[in-house]
Protein backbone atom coordinates (compact mmCIF):
# COMPACT_ATOMS: atom_id res chain seq x y z
CA MET A 1 5.97 12.63 15.20
CA ARG A 2 6.45 16.33 15.18
CA ALA A 3 5.78 13.68 17.48
CA GLY A 4 6.37 13.95 14.01
CA ARG A 5 8.16 17.19 14.04
CA THR A 6 11.90 17.41 13.69
CA PRO A 7 13.37 20.73 14.45
CA LYS A 8 10.22 22.49 12.91
CA ALA A 9 7.20 23.22 14.61
CA VAL A 10 -2.31 28.18 14.76
CA ILE A 11 -5.08 27.81 15.52
CA VAL A 12 -7.64 30.19 14.51
CA GLY A 13 -11.03 30.24 15.96
CA ALA A 14 -13.76 27.83 15.16
CA ALA A 15 -15.21 30.36 12.89
CA GLY A 16 -11.98 30.56 10.88
CA ILE A 17 -11.69 26.84 10.54
CA ALA A 18 -15.33 26.65 9.40
CA LEU A 19 -14.77 29.18 6.71
CA ALA A 20 -11.64 27.47 5.50
CA LEU A 21 -13.29 24.07 5.57
CA THR A 22 -16.18 25.38 3.57
CA ALA A 23 -13.91 27.03 1.05
CA ALA A 24 -11.46 24.24 0.57
CA GLY A 25 -13.66 21.27 1.44
CA CYS A 26 -11.12 20.32 4.12
CA GLY A 27 -10.25 21.12 7.69
CA SER A 28 -8.52 24.40 7.61
CA GLY A 29 -6.91 25.40 10.78
CA SER A 30 -3.95 23.97 9.01
CA LYS A 31 -2.30 26.13 6.52
CA PRO A 32 -4.13 26.64 3.31
CA GLY A 33 -2.83 25.21 0.09
CA ALA A 34 -0.45 27.95 -0.95
CA PRO A 35 2.52 28.64 1.19
CA ALA A 36 0.44 30.26 3.85
CA THR A 37 1.73 32.29 6.67
CA SER A 38 -1.48 32.33 8.59
CA GLY A 39 -3.69 29.52 9.68
CA SER A 40 -7.27 29.30 8.86
CA GLY A 41 -9.79 27.82 11.22
CA THR A 42 -10.51 28.50 14.83
CA SER A 43 -8.16 28.39 17.58
CA ALA A 44 -8.71 26.23 20.47
CA ALA A 45 -5.98 28.34 21.81
CA SER A 46 -7.59 31.54 22.88
CA SER A 47 -5.66 34.45 24.17
CA SER A 48 -6.94 33.77 27.67
CA SER A 49 -5.07 31.20 29.72
CA PRO A 50 -5.15 29.64 33.13
CA ALA A 51 -1.41 30.26 33.31
CA PRO A 52 0.04 33.01 35.44
CA ALA A 53 -1.63 36.24 34.51
CA THR A 54 -0.09 37.49 31.36
CA SER A 55 -0.92 39.70 28.43
CA SER A 56 0.05 39.19 24.88
CA SER A 57 -0.08 41.24 21.77
CA ALA A 58 0.55 40.48 18.16
CA SER A 59 3.10 42.40 16.18
CA PRO A 60 2.64 43.34 12.53
CA SER A 61 5.15 40.65 11.59
CA GLY A 62 2.91 37.92 12.93
CA SER A 63 5.00 37.37 16.09
CA SER A 64 3.52 37.65 19.52
CA SER A 65 5.02 38.69 22.79
CA SER A 66 3.75 38.14 26.31
CA SER A 67 4.54 39.98 29.52
CA ALA A 68 5.85 38.12 32.55
CA ALA A 69 3.71 38.02 35.67
CA ALA A 70 4.03 37.32 39.38
CA GLY A 71 5.12 33.93 40.67
CA VAL A 72 8.77 34.06 39.63
CA ASP A 73 10.86 30.98 40.57
CA SER A 74 14.00 32.64 41.85
CA THR A 75 15.92 29.37 41.89
CA ALA A 76 15.15 28.69 38.27
CA ALA A 77 15.72 32.29 37.27
CA ALA A 78 19.22 32.20 38.85
CA LEU A 79 20.19 29.57 36.29
CA LEU A 80 19.63 31.86 33.33
CA PRO A 81 22.60 33.02 31.26
CA ASP A 82 23.40 36.72 31.78
CA SER A 83 22.59 37.44 28.11
CA ILE A 84 19.01 36.29 28.60
CA LYS A 85 18.64 38.09 31.92
CA SER A 86 19.85 41.35 30.49
CA LYS A 87 17.42 41.46 27.60
CA GLY A 88 14.47 40.28 29.75
CA THR A 89 12.86 38.33 26.95
CA LEU A 90 12.79 34.65 26.00
CA THR A 91 12.47 34.38 22.21
CA PHE A 92 10.87 31.25 20.78
CA ALA A 93 10.79 30.20 17.16
CA THR A 94 7.63 28.39 16.14
CA ASP A 95 5.76 27.22 13.01
CA PRO A 96 2.18 28.24 13.79
CA SER A 97 0.36 25.70 11.59
CA TYR A 98 -0.16 22.91 14.06
CA PRO A 99 -3.32 23.50 16.18
CA PRO A 100 -4.03 23.09 19.00
CA ASN A 101 -0.33 23.36 19.77
CA GLU A 102 0.57 26.48 17.75
CA SER A 103 -1.43 28.41 15.24
CA LYS A 104 -2.78 31.92 14.52
CA ASP A 105 -6.06 33.45 15.54
CA ALA A 106 -8.25 35.65 13.31
CA ASN A 107 -6.04 38.65 14.10
CA GLY A 108 -2.84 36.90 13.04
CA GLN A 109 -1.62 36.45 16.63
CA ILE A 110 0.27 33.30 17.40
CA VAL A 111 -1.72 31.20 19.93
CA GLY A 112 -2.00 27.71 21.27
CA TRP A 113 -0.97 25.22 23.90
CA ASP A 114 2.78 25.65 23.27
CA VAL A 115 2.38 29.43 23.37
CA ASP A 116 0.57 29.36 26.69
CA LEU A 117 3.08 26.96 28.21
CA GLY A 118 6.07 28.95 26.82
CA THR A 119 4.60 32.13 28.23
CA ALA A 120 4.15 30.44 31.65
CA ILE A 121 7.77 29.23 31.58
CA ALA A 122 9.05 32.71 30.75
CA ALA A 123 6.89 34.16 33.58
CA LYS A 124 8.47 31.69 36.07
CA LEU A 125 11.85 32.96 34.99
CA GLY A 126 10.85 36.62 35.32
CA LEU A 127 10.95 37.14 31.59
CA LYS A 128 8.66 38.17 28.76
CA ALA A 129 7.92 35.55 26.08
CA SER A 130 8.10 36.37 22.38
CA PHE A 131 7.04 33.93 19.68
CA THR A 132 8.23 34.46 16.11
CA GLU A 133 6.83 32.61 13.11
CA VAL A 134 9.31 30.60 11.07
CA THR A 135 9.03 27.51 8.88
CA PHE A 136 9.63 24.30 10.76
CA ASP A 137 12.79 23.43 8.90
CA ASP A 138 14.35 26.79 9.84
CA ILE A 139 13.90 26.55 13.57
CA VAL A 140 17.14 24.70 14.29
CA THR A 141 19.16 27.08 12.09
CA GLY A 142 17.73 30.10 13.85
CA ILE A 143 18.57 28.63 17.29
CA SER A 144 22.09 27.66 16.23
CA THR A 145 22.86 31.23 14.96
CA GLY A 146 21.49 32.80 18.11
CA LYS A 147 18.60 34.43 16.33
CA TYR A 148 16.19 32.73 18.71
CA ASP A 149 16.72 31.44 22.21
CA ALA A 150 14.60 28.35 21.79
CA GLY A 151 12.35 26.43 19.49
CA MET A 152 8.89 25.39 20.73
CA SER A 153 6.85 23.93 17.94
CA SER A 154 5.71 20.34 18.73
CA ILE A 155 9.28 19.12 18.09
CA THR A 156 9.80 15.49 18.82
CA ASP A 157 12.87 14.73 20.94
CA ASN A 158 14.98 11.95 19.42
CA LYS A 159 18.60 10.88 19.47
CA LYS A 160 19.31 12.41 16.04
CA ARG A 161 18.02 15.83 17.10
CA GLU A 162 19.86 15.65 20.46
CA GLY A 163 23.05 15.49 18.38
CA VAL A 164 22.35 19.07 17.33
CA ASP A 165 20.46 20.68 20.19
CA ASP A 166 19.41 20.10 23.75
CA PHE A 167 15.75 19.21 24.37
CA VAL A 168 13.73 19.98 27.49
CA THR A 169 10.91 17.42 27.26
CA TYR A 170 7.38 18.44 28.19
CA PHE A 171 4.63 16.40 26.45
CA ASN A 172 3.80 12.88 25.23
CA ALA A 173 2.60 12.57 21.65
CA GLY A 174 2.55 10.03 18.87
CA THR A 175 1.67 9.65 15.20
CA LYS A 176 -1.80 9.11 13.95
CA LEU A 177 -3.54 8.64 10.61
CA MET A 178 -6.13 11.15 9.30
CA VAL A 179 -8.40 10.57 6.35
CA ALA A 180 -11.33 12.29 4.62
CA LYS A 181 -14.69 11.95 6.32
CA GLY A 182 -16.09 8.46 5.75
CA ASN A 183 -12.67 6.97 5.12
CA PRO A 184 -13.33 6.46 1.35
CA LYS A 185 -10.13 4.48 0.81
CA LYS A 186 -11.03 2.17 3.78
CA LEU A 187 -7.56 2.63 5.34
CA THR A 188 -6.93 0.91 8.69
CA GLY A 189 -4.21 2.96 10.37
CA SER A 190 -3.24 -0.06 12.44
CA GLY A 191 0.28 1.01 13.20
CA ALA A 192 3.74 1.85 11.86
CA THR A 193 3.73 -0.98 9.33
CA ASP A 194 0.09 -0.80 8.24
CA LEU A 195 -0.03 -2.20 4.68
CA SER A 196 -3.29 -0.41 3.79
CA LEU A 197 -1.22 2.70 2.94
CA CYS A 198 0.91 0.91 0.33
CA GLY A 199 0.36 2.49 -3.07
CA MET A 200 -1.47 5.44 -1.58
CA THR A 201 -0.42 9.13 -1.59
CA VAL A 202 0.18 10.29 1.98
CA GLY A 203 0.56 13.90 3.00
CA VAL A 204 3.16 14.95 5.57
CA GLU A 205 4.68 18.18 6.67
CA LYS A 206 8.29 18.74 5.61
CA GLY A 207 10.90 18.01 8.21
CA THR A 208 8.61 15.93 10.45
CA VAL A 209 9.32 12.44 11.67
CA GLN A 210 6.41 11.30 9.59
CA GLU A 211 8.36 12.33 6.47
CA THR A 212 11.93 11.36 7.55
CA ASP A 213 11.27 8.15 9.41
CA ASP A 214 7.70 6.89 9.30
CA ILE A 215 7.01 6.68 5.54
CA PRO A 216 10.53 5.19 4.67
CA ASN A 217 9.97 2.51 7.31
CA ARG A 218 6.47 1.77 5.97
CA ASN A 219 7.81 1.44 2.45
CA LYS A 220 10.22 -1.26 3.60
CA ALA A 221 7.17 -3.17 4.86
CA CYS A 222 5.29 -2.56 1.64
CA GLU A 223 8.20 -3.80 -0.47
CA ALA A 224 8.60 -6.88 1.75
CA ALA A 225 4.96 -7.67 1.18
CA GLY A 226 5.25 -7.26 -2.57
CA LYS A 227 3.14 -4.09 -2.54
CA LYS A 228 3.69 -0.67 -4.14
CA ASP A 229 5.51 2.05 -2.19
CA ILE A 230 3.71 4.87 -0.58
CA LYS A 231 3.87 8.14 -2.55
CA THR A 232 4.88 10.99 -0.26
CA LEU A 233 3.31 14.41 -0.60
CA SER A 234 5.56 16.71 1.47
CA GLN A 235 4.47 20.30 1.97
CA ASP A 236 5.70 23.21 4.00
CA THR A 237 2.80 23.46 6.47
CA GLN A 238 0.11 21.35 7.97
CA ASP A 239 -2.47 23.67 6.61
CA GLN A 240 -1.34 22.87 3.06
CA ILE A 241 -1.38 19.21 3.78
CA ASN A 242 -4.96 19.36 5.14
CA GLN A 243 -6.09 21.27 2.09
CA SER A 244 -4.57 18.62 -0.09
CA LEU A 245 -6.44 15.89 1.82
CA GLY A 246 -9.68 17.85 1.46
CA THR A 247 -9.24 18.29 -2.29
CA GLY A 248 -8.21 14.69 -2.91
CA ARG A 249 -4.58 15.42 -3.77
CA CYS A 250 -3.54 12.90 -1.16
CA ASP A 251 -5.40 9.90 0.22
CA ALA A 252 -4.40 10.30 3.90
CA VAL A 253 -2.31 12.36 6.24
CA LEU A 254 0.18 11.35 8.90
CA ALA A 255 0.69 13.86 11.75
CA ASP A 256 0.99 14.17 15.46
CA SER A 257 -1.87 12.73 17.55
CA PRO A 258 -3.12 16.01 19.20
CA VAL A 259 -3.17 17.62 15.76
CA VAL A 260 -5.10 14.79 14.05
CA ASP A 261 -7.57 14.59 16.91
CA TYR A 262 -8.09 18.43 16.73
CA TYR A 263 -8.82 18.39 12.98
CA ALA A 264 -11.00 15.29 13.26
CA LYS A 265 -13.40 17.32 15.32
CA SER A 266 -13.97 19.62 12.35
CA GLY A 267 -16.29 17.11 10.76
CA ASN A 268 -14.50 17.00 7.41
CA PHE A 269 -11.76 14.60 8.47
CA GLU A 270 -11.57 11.64 10.80
CA ALA A 271 -8.87 9.91 12.76
CA VAL A 272 -8.21 6.30 12.00
CA GLY A 273 -6.50 3.72 14.25
CA ASP A 274 -4.55 4.29 17.44
CA ILE A 275 -1.55 6.41 18.35
CA TYR A 276 1.82 4.74 17.70
CA ALA A 277 5.51 5.67 17.93
CA GLY A 278 5.02 7.71 21.08
CA ALA A 279 7.79 10.10 22.04
CA PRO A 280 8.16 13.34 24.05
CA TYR A 281 8.01 16.80 22.59
CA GLY A 282 11.00 18.93 23.54
CA ILE A 283 11.87 22.57 23.69
CA ALA A 284 14.96 22.91 21.47
CA ILE A 285 17.84 24.98 22.90
CA ALA A 286 21.35 25.29 21.49
CA LYS A 287 23.91 23.16 23.36
CA SER A 288 26.04 26.29 23.77
CA ASN A 289 23.19 27.74 25.83
CA SER A 290 23.13 25.06 28.53
CA GLY A 291 22.30 27.41 31.31
CA LEU A 292 19.08 28.25 29.56
CA SER A 293 18.22 24.55 29.22
CA GLN A 294 18.61 24.11 32.93
CA ALA A 295 16.52 27.19 33.71
CA VAL A 296 13.68 26.18 31.37
CA GLN A 297 13.65 22.66 32.85
CA ALA A 298 13.45 24.03 36.42
CA ALA A 299 10.67 26.42 35.51
CA LEU A 300 8.73 23.60 33.74
CA LYS A 301 9.06 21.35 36.81
CA ASP A 302 7.63 24.14 38.95
CA LEU A 303 4.64 24.56 36.56
CA VAL A 304 3.94 20.80 36.85
CA GLN A 305 4.12 20.95 40.60
CA ASP A 306 1.90 24.06 41.06
CA GLY A 307 -0.80 22.65 38.72
CA THR A 308 -0.44 25.20 35.94
CA TYR A 309 0.81 22.60 33.48
CA HIS A 310 -2.22 20.36 33.90
CA GLN A 311 -4.56 23.31 33.72
CA LEU A 312 -3.14 24.23 30.32
CA THR A 313 -3.34 20.66 28.85
CA THR A 314 -6.92 20.40 30.14
CA LYS A 315 -7.81 23.72 28.57
CA TYR A 316 -6.85 22.27 25.11
CA GLY A 317 -8.28 18.78 25.79
CA ILE A 318 -4.86 17.15 25.44
CA GLN A 319 -4.34 16.05 29.07
CA ALA A 320 -3.86 12.45 27.95
CA GLY A 321 -0.37 13.55 26.93
CA ASP A 322 0.55 15.07 30.31
CA TYR A 323 4.31 14.67 30.93
CA THR A 324 4.92 14.94 34.68
CA THR A 325 8.65 14.18 34.62
CA PRO A 326 10.16 16.95 32.39
CA GLY A 327 13.83 16.37 31.80
CA LEU A 328 16.78 17.07 29.45
CA ASN A 329 17.48 14.90 26.44
CA GLN A 330 15.26 12.01 27.37
CA ALA A 331 14.98 10.39 23.95
CA THR A 332 15.33 6.62 23.81
CA SER A 333 15.68 6.27 20.06
């Protein structure tokens, strides 16, 4: 999964999605077919938020920054590295093509559930939050070189990724199958070894668990059953994948459950089958920045306790994935 996403991670308003869907014949809040840097579609993530009062503004580069508010957790803030305290800003790298988690609104501002939560975490630490758009595959590199403090982009925590970075876990997600409206190929989406996908072309975002783990494992099942392998269509952004589904370039899409459920509401796509391969999302932080990992975890626990966390998941309709025991490096596989 971003429950698929590996170190990678816009919603635009309903009006935007509607326009994109009409133009491309597919759900557009995902990035449009060409390497897009802005999402089309509407953002379930509005700039308003039930989180601690903050204000955010978009920069010309497509990044957004948010001001910290009252309600600082002094105990959590004391854990911050001096380098973070001195600059007063917590910088997040994100790939805003994954609504409702992270996307862009009609003005190009990065918005979404991850943005609201990251802003609330920064506020608890007495910091401003700044989100910068990068491609999903570049998030880990940016963190490792110190360009960004953290990556928050629907990144699934797993053992492989924990070998590179630390992960502060914060949400339960899984993989789900999405098809064109009416399910013309009659796919069943019955789980990780569903044979109905054998011989089909399946779209996935580059760097996600769906690309690196899911389809290779499915192909083993296809081969064992004497069926043709799945053809993988890997593209840079979820928007591009959605457009490919809408235009028939691929037969189905595998993506994280909250994202599939979001786009299924557009009317042009539908979700098939149940969630599988559940795993927590994690905020990626360089292992050399361990003080920051501890501070973010403490702030997140505070947000769960004071009710802000549940307010935010409810705002985006994803409360089924509430993760009330945030921790550090909690992957089991």
